[in-house]
Amino acid sequence: MLFADDTEAALQAAAALVNTDDPDGDQLTDVSALNRFLDEWGWTGSRRGDQRELDDVRALRPRLRRLWQLDEEGVVDEVNALLREAHALPQLARHDGREYHLHATSPETPLVERMVVEAAMAFVDVVRQKQLRRLRVCGAGDCEGVVVDLSKNRSRRYCTVSCSNRVNVAAFRARHR
């Protein structure tokens, strides 16, 4: 394992959130879609379950996307700003059968602030371990999805299997023309 479980989960959840803003259509179209996303990614704590919360989460995506596009100094500046704005206060927590891990907000903190802080804390580990190269934009030329490469050999290039398949099929067809 490259990072702690909670770091890997937070990175993958942040990438999944960024990737819900798909050029083919927004996947967070309503509150029920947001709730499905939150349930799929195991978000705990309070939820308002209203349009404002959905709007706040949707507005977070471009800011998180920037973390995949910045150099190390830029990531550090942005992560520090995110943590400051959310008044993060890291503490050890254990719940839902998971071992101790870091929380930097209380369960009652608004959802979008918890999402910001979890992503920012995960990026803290990425920067400290000098692993920013594991975060990249999808290798498919027509996709803007982001990738968290947790493979041993740093070989993951695509955000989804469908992007990988599409690129491989196109390359196969080009070779056989």
N, C-alpha and C. Protein backbone atom coordinates (compact mmCIF):
# COMPACT_ATOMS: atom_id res chain seq x y z
N MET A 1 0.84 -1.17 0.00
CA MET A 1 0.00 0.00 0.00
C MET A 1 0.88 1.24 0.00
N LEU A 2 0.57 2.15 -0.88
CA LEU A 2 1.36 3.37 -1.02
C LEU A 2 1.02 4.40 0.05
N PHE A 3 -0.27 4.62 0.28
CA PHE A 3 -0.74 5.59 1.25
C PHE A 3 -1.60 4.86 2.29
N ALA A 4 -1.91 5.55 3.38
CA ALA A 4 -2.84 5.00 4.36
C ALA A 4 -4.20 4.80 3.70
N ASP A 5 -4.98 3.87 4.23
CA ASP A 5 -6.30 3.57 3.66
C ASP A 5 -7.16 4.82 3.49
N ASP A 6 -7.19 5.67 4.51
CA ASP A 6 -8.05 6.85 4.42
C ASP A 6 -7.55 7.83 3.37
N THR A 7 -6.24 7.90 3.17
CA THR A 7 -5.71 8.77 2.13
C THR A 7 -6.11 8.25 0.75
N GLU A 8 -5.93 6.96 0.52
CA GLU A 8 -6.31 6.38 -0.77
C GLU A 8 -7.80 6.57 -1.03
N ALA A 9 -8.62 6.33 -0.01
CA ALA A 9 -10.07 6.48 -0.18
C ALA A 9 -10.43 7.94 -0.49
N ALA A 10 -9.79 8.87 0.20
CA ALA A 10 -10.09 10.29 -0.03
C ALA A 10 -9.64 10.74 -1.41
N LEU A 11 -8.47 10.26 -1.87
CA LEU A 11 -8.00 10.60 -3.21
C LEU A 11 -8.95 10.05 -4.27
N GLN A 12 -9.35 8.80 -4.11
CA GLN A 12 -10.25 8.19 -5.08
C GLN A 12 -11.62 8.86 -5.07
N ALA A 13 -12.10 9.22 -3.90
CA ALA A 13 -13.39 9.92 -3.81
C ALA A 13 -13.30 11.31 -4.43
N ALA A 14 -12.19 12.00 -4.22
CA ALA A 14 -12.01 13.33 -4.82
C ALA A 14 -11.97 13.21 -6.33
N ALA A 15 -11.23 12.23 -6.85
CA ALA A 15 -11.18 12.02 -8.30
C ALA A 15 -12.56 11.68 -8.84
N ALA A 16 -13.28 10.82 -8.14
CA ALA A 16 -14.63 10.46 -8.58
C ALA A 16 -15.54 11.69 -8.60
N LEU A 17 -15.41 12.54 -7.59
CA LEU A 17 -16.22 13.76 -7.56
C LEU A 17 -15.87 14.66 -8.74
N VAL A 18 -14.59 14.88 -8.97
CA VAL A 18 -14.18 15.70 -10.11
C VAL A 18 -14.74 15.12 -11.40
N ASN A 19 -14.68 13.80 -11.54
CA ASN A 19 -15.11 13.15 -12.77
C ASN A 19 -16.63 13.10 -12.95
N THR A 20 -17.39 13.51 -11.93
CA THR A 20 -18.85 13.61 -12.13
C THR A 20 -19.19 14.79 -13.01
N ASP A 21 -18.25 15.70 -13.19
CA ASP A 21 -18.45 16.84 -14.09
C ASP A 21 -17.90 16.45 -15.45
N ASP A 22 -18.66 15.63 -16.14
CA ASP A 22 -18.27 14.98 -17.39
C ASP A 22 -18.68 15.84 -18.58
N PRO A 23 -17.82 16.00 -19.59
CA PRO A 23 -18.21 16.77 -20.77
C PRO A 23 -19.47 16.21 -21.45
N ASP A 24 -19.75 14.93 -21.25
CA ASP A 24 -20.95 14.33 -21.84
C ASP A 24 -22.19 14.60 -20.99
N GLY A 25 -22.01 15.21 -19.84
CA GLY A 25 -23.14 15.52 -18.98
C GLY A 25 -22.79 15.43 -17.52
N ASP A 26 -23.37 16.31 -16.74
CA ASP A 26 -23.15 16.33 -15.31
C ASP A 26 -23.83 15.12 -14.67
N GLN A 27 -23.09 14.38 -13.85
CA GLN A 27 -23.65 13.21 -13.19
C GLN A 27 -24.33 13.55 -11.87
N LEU A 28 -24.13 14.78 -11.39
CA LEU A 28 -24.80 15.22 -10.16
C LEU A 28 -25.91 16.19 -10.54
N THR A 29 -26.94 15.66 -11.14
CA THR A 29 -28.01 16.49 -11.67
C THR A 29 -29.03 16.91 -10.64
N ASP A 30 -29.14 16.16 -9.56
CA ASP A 30 -30.12 16.49 -8.52
C ASP A 30 -29.65 15.93 -7.18
N VAL A 31 -30.41 16.23 -6.14
CA VAL A 31 -30.04 15.82 -4.79
C VAL A 31 -29.98 14.30 -4.67
N SER A 32 -30.87 13.59 -5.35
CA SER A 32 -30.83 12.12 -5.24
C SER A 32 -29.55 11.56 -5.89
N ALA A 33 -29.08 12.18 -6.97
CA ALA A 33 -27.82 11.75 -7.59
C ALA A 33 -26.65 12.01 -6.63
N LEU A 34 -26.69 13.15 -5.94
CA LEU A 34 -25.65 13.43 -4.95
C LEU A 34 -25.69 12.40 -3.84
N ASN A 35 -26.88 12.06 -3.36
CA ASN A 35 -26.99 11.06 -2.28
C ASN A 35 -26.47 9.70 -2.73
N ARG A 36 -26.74 9.32 -3.97
CA ARG A 36 -26.20 8.05 -4.48
C ARG A 36 -24.68 8.10 -4.51
N PHE A 37 -24.11 9.22 -4.95
CA PHE A 37 -22.66 9.38 -4.98
C PHE A 37 -22.09 9.27 -3.56
N LEU A 38 -22.69 9.98 -2.62
CA LEU A 38 -22.20 9.97 -1.23
C LEU A 38 -22.28 8.58 -0.63
N ASP A 39 -23.37 7.86 -0.90
CA ASP A 39 -23.51 6.49 -0.40
C ASP A 39 -22.48 5.57 -1.03
N GLU A 40 -22.27 5.72 -2.33
CA GLU A 40 -21.30 4.87 -3.04
C GLU A 40 -19.90 5.06 -2.47
N TRP A 41 -19.55 6.28 -2.10
CA TRP A 41 -18.21 6.57 -1.61
C TRP A 41 -18.11 6.57 -0.09
N GLY A 42 -19.18 6.18 0.60
CA GLY A 42 -19.12 5.98 2.04
C GLY A 42 -19.00 7.24 2.87
N TRP A 43 -19.56 8.36 2.41
CA TRP A 43 -19.49 9.60 3.18
C TRP A 43 -20.35 9.49 4.41
N THR A 44 -19.77 9.80 5.55
CA THR A 44 -20.49 9.78 6.81
C THR A 44 -20.73 11.21 7.26
N GLY A 45 -21.47 11.37 8.33
CA GLY A 45 -21.71 12.70 8.88
C GLY A 45 -23.01 13.30 8.35
N SER A 46 -23.24 14.52 8.76
CA SER A 46 -24.51 15.17 8.44
C SER A 46 -24.63 15.50 6.95
N ARG A 47 -25.87 15.53 6.51
CA ARG A 47 -26.22 15.96 5.15
C ARG A 47 -27.48 16.80 5.26
N ARG A 48 -27.50 17.90 4.53
CA ARG A 48 -28.71 18.70 4.48
C ARG A 48 -29.68 18.12 3.46
N GLY A 49 -29.14 17.57 2.38
CA GLY A 49 -29.98 16.96 1.36
C GLY A 49 -30.83 17.97 0.62
N ASP A 50 -30.28 19.16 0.39
CA ASP A 50 -31.06 20.18 -0.31
C ASP A 50 -30.29 20.71 -1.53
N GLN A 51 -30.93 21.57 -2.28
CA GLN A 51 -30.34 22.11 -3.51
C GLN A 51 -29.08 22.91 -3.22
N ARG A 52 -29.05 23.64 -2.12
CA ARG A 52 -27.87 24.43 -1.79
C ARG A 52 -26.65 23.53 -1.56
N GLU A 53 -26.86 22.40 -0.88
CA GLU A 53 -25.76 21.47 -0.65
C GLU A 53 -25.27 20.91 -1.99
N LEU A 54 -26.20 20.55 -2.85
CA LEU A 54 -25.83 20.06 -4.18
C LEU A 54 -25.03 21.13 -4.93
N ASP A 55 -25.50 22.37 -4.92
CA ASP A 55 -24.79 23.46 -5.60
C ASP A 55 -23.39 23.65 -5.03
N ASP A 56 -23.26 23.56 -3.70
CA ASP A 56 -21.94 23.71 -3.06
C ASP A 56 -20.98 22.60 -3.50
N VAL A 57 -21.47 21.37 -3.54
CA VAL A 57 -20.63 20.23 -3.96
C VAL A 57 -20.24 20.39 -5.42
N ARG A 58 -21.18 20.75 -6.25
CA ARG A 58 -20.88 20.94 -7.67
C ARG A 58 -19.85 22.06 -7.87
N ALA A 59 -19.94 23.11 -7.07
CA ALA A 59 -18.99 24.23 -7.18
C ALA A 59 -17.60 23.84 -6.69
N LEU A 60 -17.50 22.81 -5.88
CA LEU A 60 -16.20 22.34 -5.38
C LEU A 60 -15.38 21.65 -6.47
N ARG A 61 -16.04 21.03 -7.40
CA ARG A 61 -15.33 20.20 -8.39
C ARG A 61 -14.24 20.93 -9.16
N PRO A 62 -14.46 22.14 -9.69
CA PRO A 62 -13.36 22.81 -10.41
C PRO A 62 -12.16 23.11 -9.52
N ARG A 63 -12.42 23.41 -8.28
CA ARG A 63 -11.31 23.70 -7.37
C ARG A 63 -10.48 22.45 -7.10
N LEU A 64 -11.17 21.32 -6.92
CA LEU A 64 -10.43 20.06 -6.75
C LEU A 64 -9.71 19.68 -8.03
N ARG A 65 -10.35 19.88 -9.19
CA ARG A 65 -9.70 19.56 -10.47
C ARG A 65 -8.37 20.27 -10.61
N ARG A 66 -8.31 21.52 -10.14
CA ARG A 66 -7.06 22.28 -10.23
C ARG A 66 -5.90 21.56 -9.54
N LEU A 67 -6.19 20.80 -8.49
CA LEU A 67 -5.12 20.11 -7.77
C LEU A 67 -4.41 19.11 -8.67
N TRP A 68 -5.08 18.59 -9.68
CA TRP A 68 -4.46 17.66 -10.63
C TRP A 68 -3.64 18.42 -11.68
N GLN A 69 -3.79 19.71 -11.75
CA GLN A 69 -3.16 20.48 -12.82
C GLN A 69 -2.00 21.34 -12.34
N LEU A 70 -1.85 21.50 -11.04
CA LEU A 70 -0.84 22.39 -10.49
C LEU A 70 0.48 21.66 -10.23
N ASP A 71 1.57 22.42 -10.20
CA ASP A 71 2.85 21.85 -9.77
C ASP A 71 2.85 21.77 -8.24
N GLU A 72 3.94 21.26 -7.69
CA GLU A 72 3.99 21.03 -6.25
C GLU A 72 3.73 22.29 -5.44
N GLU A 73 4.37 23.40 -5.80
CA GLU A 73 4.16 24.65 -5.05
C GLU A 73 2.71 25.11 -5.14
N GLY A 74 2.13 24.97 -6.31
CA GLY A 74 0.73 25.34 -6.49
C GLY A 74 -0.20 24.48 -5.67
N VAL A 75 0.07 23.17 -5.63
CA VAL A 75 -0.74 22.26 -4.82
C VAL A 75 -0.62 22.62 -3.35
N VAL A 76 0.59 22.89 -2.89
CA VAL A 76 0.79 23.26 -1.49
C VAL A 76 0.00 24.52 -1.16
N ASP A 77 0.09 25.53 -2.00
CA ASP A 77 -0.64 26.78 -1.75
C ASP A 77 -2.14 26.54 -1.70
N GLU A 78 -2.66 25.78 -2.67
CA GLU A 78 -4.10 25.53 -2.74
C GLU A 78 -4.58 24.67 -1.57
N VAL A 79 -3.82 23.63 -1.22
CA VAL A 79 -4.20 22.77 -0.09
C VAL A 79 -4.20 23.57 1.20
N ASN A 80 -3.19 24.38 1.41
CA ASN A 80 -3.15 25.21 2.61
C ASN A 80 -4.34 26.16 2.66
N ALA A 81 -4.70 26.73 1.53
CA ALA A 81 -5.86 27.63 1.48
C ALA A 81 -7.14 26.86 1.81
N LEU A 82 -7.30 25.67 1.25
CA LEU A 82 -8.49 24.86 1.52
C LEU A 82 -8.60 24.53 3.00
N LEU A 83 -7.50 24.13 3.60
CA LEU A 83 -7.52 23.77 5.02
C LEU A 83 -7.80 24.98 5.90
N ARG A 84 -7.21 26.12 5.55
CA ARG A 84 -7.46 27.36 6.32
C ARG A 84 -8.93 27.75 6.24
N GLU A 85 -9.47 27.75 5.03
CA GLU A 85 -10.86 28.17 4.83
C GLU A 85 -11.84 27.28 5.58
N ALA A 86 -11.52 26.00 5.70
CA ALA A 86 -12.42 25.05 6.37
C ALA A 86 -12.14 24.95 7.87
N HIS A 87 -11.16 25.72 8.37
CA HIS A 87 -10.81 25.69 9.78
C HIS A 87 -10.52 24.26 10.24
N ALA A 88 -9.72 23.55 9.46
CA ALA A 88 -9.42 22.14 9.72
C ALA A 88 -8.63 21.99 11.02
N LEU A 89 -9.01 20.97 11.77
CA LEU A 89 -8.34 20.64 13.02
C LEU A 89 -8.19 19.12 13.07
N PRO A 90 -7.06 18.59 12.56
CA PRO A 90 -6.90 17.13 12.46
C PRO A 90 -6.98 16.43 13.81
N GLN A 91 -7.71 15.31 13.80
CA GLN A 91 -7.85 14.46 14.99
C GLN A 91 -7.97 13.01 14.53
N LEU A 92 -7.55 12.10 15.39
CA LEU A 92 -7.73 10.68 15.11
C LEU A 92 -9.17 10.28 15.39
N ALA A 93 -9.72 9.42 14.53
CA ALA A 93 -11.10 8.95 14.71
C ALA A 93 -11.16 7.47 14.34
N ARG A 94 -12.12 6.77 14.93
CA ARG A 94 -12.36 5.37 14.58
C ARG A 94 -13.87 5.19 14.59
N HIS A 95 -14.40 4.66 13.47
CA HIS A 95 -15.84 4.45 13.36
C HIS A 95 -16.13 3.45 12.25
N ASP A 96 -17.33 2.95 12.22
CA ASP A 96 -17.81 2.05 11.17
C ASP A 96 -16.88 0.87 10.92
N GLY A 97 -16.25 0.35 11.98
CA GLY A 97 -15.38 -0.81 11.84
C GLY A 97 -14.02 -0.51 11.24
N ARG A 98 -13.70 0.74 10.99
CA ARG A 98 -12.40 1.11 10.44
C ARG A 98 -11.43 1.43 11.57
N GLU A 99 -10.16 1.20 11.31
CA GLU A 99 -9.13 1.53 12.29
C GLU A 99 -8.99 3.05 12.40
N TYR A 100 -8.12 3.49 13.31
CA TYR A 100 -7.89 4.92 13.47
C TYR A 100 -7.44 5.54 12.16
N HIS A 101 -7.99 6.69 11.89
CA HIS A 101 -7.63 7.47 10.72
C HIS A 101 -7.87 8.94 11.07
N LEU A 102 -7.46 9.83 10.19
CA LEU A 102 -7.58 11.26 10.47
C LEU A 102 -8.91 11.82 9.98
N HIS A 103 -9.51 12.62 10.84
CA HIS A 103 -10.61 13.50 10.47
C HIS A 103 -10.15 14.89 10.85
N ALA A 104 -10.48 15.85 10.06
CA ALA A 104 -10.06 17.21 10.39
C ALA A 104 -11.27 18.13 10.55
N THR A 105 -12.45 17.52 10.58
CA THR A 105 -13.69 18.25 10.84
C THR A 105 -14.58 17.34 11.69
N SER A 106 -15.61 17.91 12.24
CA SER A 106 -16.56 17.09 13.00
C SER A 106 -17.62 16.54 12.05
N PRO A 107 -18.31 15.48 12.45
CA PRO A 107 -19.36 14.92 11.60
C PRO A 107 -20.49 15.92 11.32
N GLU A 108 -20.63 16.94 12.15
CA GLU A 108 -21.69 17.93 11.98
C GLU A 108 -21.29 19.05 11.02
N THR A 109 -20.03 19.11 10.64
CA THR A 109 -19.56 20.13 9.70
C THR A 109 -20.31 19.93 8.38
N PRO A 110 -20.66 21.02 7.70
CA PRO A 110 -21.36 20.86 6.41
C PRO A 110 -20.59 19.95 5.45
N LEU A 111 -21.35 19.19 4.69
CA LEU A 111 -20.80 18.18 3.78
C LEU A 111 -19.68 18.73 2.90
N VAL A 112 -19.90 19.84 2.25
CA VAL A 112 -18.89 20.34 1.31
C VAL A 112 -17.59 20.66 2.03
N GLU A 113 -17.66 21.16 3.26
CA GLU A 113 -16.42 21.42 4.01
C GLU A 113 -15.71 20.12 4.36
N ARG A 114 -16.46 19.08 4.70
CA ARG A 114 -15.83 17.78 4.98
C ARG A 114 -15.18 17.24 3.72
N MET A 115 -15.83 17.42 2.58
CA MET A 115 -15.26 16.94 1.32
C MET A 115 -13.97 17.69 1.00
N VAL A 116 -13.99 19.00 1.18
CA VAL A 116 -12.79 19.82 0.95
C VAL A 116 -11.65 19.35 1.82
N VAL A 117 -11.91 19.18 3.10
CA VAL A 117 -10.85 18.85 4.05
C VAL A 117 -10.32 17.44 3.81
N GLU A 118 -11.19 16.48 3.53
CA GLU A 118 -10.69 15.12 3.27
C GLU A 118 -9.79 15.10 2.04
N ALA A 119 -10.20 15.78 0.98
CA ALA A 119 -9.35 15.84 -0.21
C ALA A 119 -8.03 16.55 0.11
N ALA A 120 -8.11 17.68 0.79
CA ALA A 120 -6.90 18.43 1.11
C ALA A 120 -5.95 17.62 1.98
N MET A 121 -6.48 16.92 2.98
CA MET A 121 -5.63 16.09 3.84
C MET A 121 -4.97 14.97 3.03
N ALA A 122 -5.69 14.41 2.08
CA ALA A 122 -5.09 13.37 1.23
C ALA A 122 -3.96 13.96 0.40
N PHE A 123 -4.17 15.16 -0.12
CA PHE A 123 -3.12 15.80 -0.92
C PHE A 123 -1.92 16.15 -0.06
N VAL A 124 -2.12 16.40 1.21
CA VAL A 124 -0.99 16.62 2.13
C VAL A 124 -0.08 15.40 2.09
N ASP A 125 -0.66 14.21 2.20
CA ASP A 125 0.15 12.98 2.16
C ASP A 125 0.83 12.81 0.81
N VAL A 126 0.13 13.12 -0.26
CA VAL A 126 0.71 12.98 -1.61
C VAL A 126 1.94 13.88 -1.74
N VAL A 127 1.82 15.12 -1.31
CA VAL A 127 2.94 16.06 -1.41
C VAL A 127 4.08 15.62 -0.50
N ARG A 128 3.77 15.23 0.73
CA ARG A 128 4.81 14.84 1.67
C ARG A 128 5.59 13.62 1.18
N GLN A 129 4.91 12.73 0.48
CA GLN A 129 5.58 11.53 -0.02
C GLN A 129 6.12 11.71 -1.44
N LYS A 130 6.06 12.92 -1.94
CA LYS A 130 6.59 13.24 -3.28
C LYS A 130 5.97 12.34 -4.35
N GLN A 131 4.64 12.22 -4.32
CA GLN A 131 3.95 11.32 -5.24
C GLN A 131 2.95 12.04 -6.15
N LEU A 132 3.15 13.33 -6.39
CA LEU A 132 2.23 14.07 -7.25
C LEU A 132 2.13 13.47 -8.65
N ARG A 133 3.17 12.80 -9.10
CA ARG A 133 3.13 12.21 -10.45
C ARG A 133 2.09 11.09 -10.54
N ARG A 134 1.57 10.65 -9.42
CA ARG A 134 0.51 9.64 -9.43
C ARG A 134 -0.87 10.24 -9.72
N LEU A 135 -0.94 11.54 -9.77
CA LEU A 135 -2.19 12.23 -10.07
C LEU A 135 -2.05 12.86 -11.45
N ARG A 136 -2.92 12.46 -12.35
CA ARG A 136 -2.81 12.98 -13.71
C ARG A 136 -4.17 13.06 -14.36
N VAL A 137 -4.19 13.69 -15.51
CA VAL A 137 -5.40 13.77 -16.32
C VAL A 137 -5.42 12.54 -17.22
N CYS A 138 -6.60 12.05 -17.51
CA CYS A 138 -6.79 10.86 -18.33
C CYS A 138 -5.99 10.95 -19.62
N GLY A 139 -5.39 9.83 -20.04
CA GLY A 139 -4.56 9.77 -21.24
C GLY A 139 -5.36 9.73 -22.53
N ALA A 140 -6.67 9.57 -22.46
CA ALA A 140 -7.50 9.61 -23.67
C ALA A 140 -7.62 11.06 -24.11
N GLY A 141 -7.25 11.34 -25.33
CA GLY A 141 -7.22 12.71 -25.82
C GLY A 141 -8.54 13.45 -25.74
N ASP A 142 -9.64 12.72 -25.76
CA ASP A 142 -10.96 13.35 -25.74
C ASP A 142 -11.61 13.34 -24.35
N CYS A 143 -10.83 13.08 -23.32
CA CYS A 143 -11.37 12.98 -21.96
C CYS A 143 -10.63 13.93 -21.03
N GLU A 144 -11.37 14.55 -20.13
CA GLU A 144 -10.78 15.45 -19.15
C GLU A 144 -10.84 14.87 -17.74
N GLY A 145 -11.15 13.57 -17.62
CA GLY A 145 -11.21 12.93 -16.31
C GLY A 145 -9.86 12.93 -15.63
N VAL A 146 -9.88 12.80 -14.31
CA VAL A 146 -8.63 12.75 -13.56
C VAL A 146 -8.39 11.33 -13.06
N VAL A 147 -7.13 11.02 -12.83
CA VAL A 147 -6.70 9.67 -12.47
C VAL A 147 -5.88 9.71 -11.19
N VAL A 148 -6.15 8.79 -10.30
CA VAL A 148 -5.30 8.54 -9.13
C VAL A 148 -4.65 7.19 -9.40
N ASP A 149 -3.36 7.20 -9.68
CA ASP A 149 -2.65 5.97 -10.02
C ASP A 149 -2.04 5.36 -8.77
N LEU A 150 -2.68 4.32 -8.26
CA LEU A 150 -2.19 3.64 -7.07
C LEU A 150 -1.47 2.33 -7.42
N SER A 151 -1.19 2.12 -8.72
CA SER A 151 -0.51 0.90 -9.13
C SER A 151 0.96 0.95 -8.71
N LYS A 152 1.54 -0.22 -8.52
CA LYS A 152 2.94 -0.29 -8.09
C LYS A 152 3.88 0.35 -9.11
N ASN A 153 3.62 0.14 -10.39
CA ASN A 153 4.56 0.61 -11.41
C ASN A 153 4.13 1.93 -12.05
N ARG A 154 3.19 2.63 -11.45
CA ARG A 154 2.73 3.93 -11.94
C ARG A 154 2.29 3.86 -13.40
N SER A 155 1.52 2.84 -13.74
CA SER A 155 1.17 2.62 -15.14
C SER A 155 -0.26 3.00 -15.51
N ARG A 156 -1.08 3.39 -14.55
CA ARG A 156 -2.47 3.72 -14.87
C ARG A 156 -2.52 5.04 -15.62
N ARG A 157 -3.17 5.02 -16.79
CA ARG A 157 -3.20 6.22 -17.63
C ARG A 157 -4.60 6.74 -17.87
N TYR A 158 -5.61 5.91 -17.64
CA TYR A 158 -6.97 6.28 -18.00
C TYR A 158 -7.87 6.33 -16.78
N CYS A 159 -8.89 7.20 -16.84
CA CYS A 159 -9.78 7.36 -15.69
C CYS A 159 -10.76 6.21 -15.57
N THR A 160 -11.12 5.58 -16.67
CA THR A 160 -12.06 4.46 -16.64
C THR A 160 -11.62 3.39 -17.62
N VAL A 161 -12.20 2.22 -17.49
CA VAL A 161 -11.94 1.13 -18.42
C VAL A 161 -12.45 1.50 -19.81
N SER A 162 -13.55 2.22 -19.88
CA SER A 162 -14.09 2.58 -21.20
C SER A 162 -13.14 3.52 -21.94
N CYS A 163 -12.48 4.45 -21.24
CA CYS A 163 -11.48 5.30 -21.90
C CYS A 163 -10.31 4.45 -22.40
N SER A 164 -9.84 3.53 -21.58
CA SER A 164 -8.75 2.65 -21.97
C SER A 164 -9.13 1.82 -23.19
N ASN A 165 -10.31 1.23 -23.15
CA ASN A 165 -10.76 0.42 -24.28
C ASN A 165 -10.88 1.24 -25.55
N ARG A 166 -11.45 2.43 -25.45
CA ARG A 166 -11.62 3.30 -26.62
C ARG A 166 -10.28 3.63 -27.26
N VAL A 167 -9.28 3.97 -26.44
CA VAL A 167 -7.94 4.30 -26.97
C VAL A 167 -7.29 3.07 -27.58
N ASN A 168 -7.40 1.93 -26.91
CA ASN A 168 -6.78 0.70 -27.43
C ASN A 168 -7.42 0.23 -28.73
N VAL A 169 -8.74 0.33 -28.83
CA VAL A 169 -9.42 -0.05 -30.07
C VAL A 169 -9.02 0.88 -31.20
N ALA A 170 -8.94 2.18 -30.93
CA ALA A 170 -8.52 3.14 -31.96
C ALA A 170 -7.09 2.85 -32.42
N ALA A 171 -6.20 2.53 -31.49
CA ALA A 171 -4.82 2.21 -31.85
C ALA A 171 -4.76 0.93 -32.68
N PHE A 172 -5.54 -0.07 -32.29
CA PHE A 172 -5.59 -1.34 -33.04
C PHE A 172 -6.07 -1.09 -34.47
N ARG A 173 -7.13 -0.31 -34.60
CA ARG A 173 -7.66 -0.03 -35.95
C ARG A 173 -6.66 0.75 -36.79
N ALA A 174 -5.96 1.68 -36.16
CA ALA A 174 -4.97 2.47 -36.90
C ALA A 174 -3.83 1.59 -37.37
N ARG A 175 -3.43 0.61 -36.58
CA ARG A 175 -2.33 -0.28 -36.97
C ARG A 175 -2.73 -1.19 -38.12
N HIS A 176 -4.01 -1.52 -38.21
CA HIS A 176 -4.47 -2.47 -39.21
C HIS A 176 -5.09 -1.83 -40.44
N ARG A 177 -4.88 -0.55 -40.61
CA ARG A 177 -5.33 0.13 -41.83
C ARG A 177 -4.32 0.03 -42.91
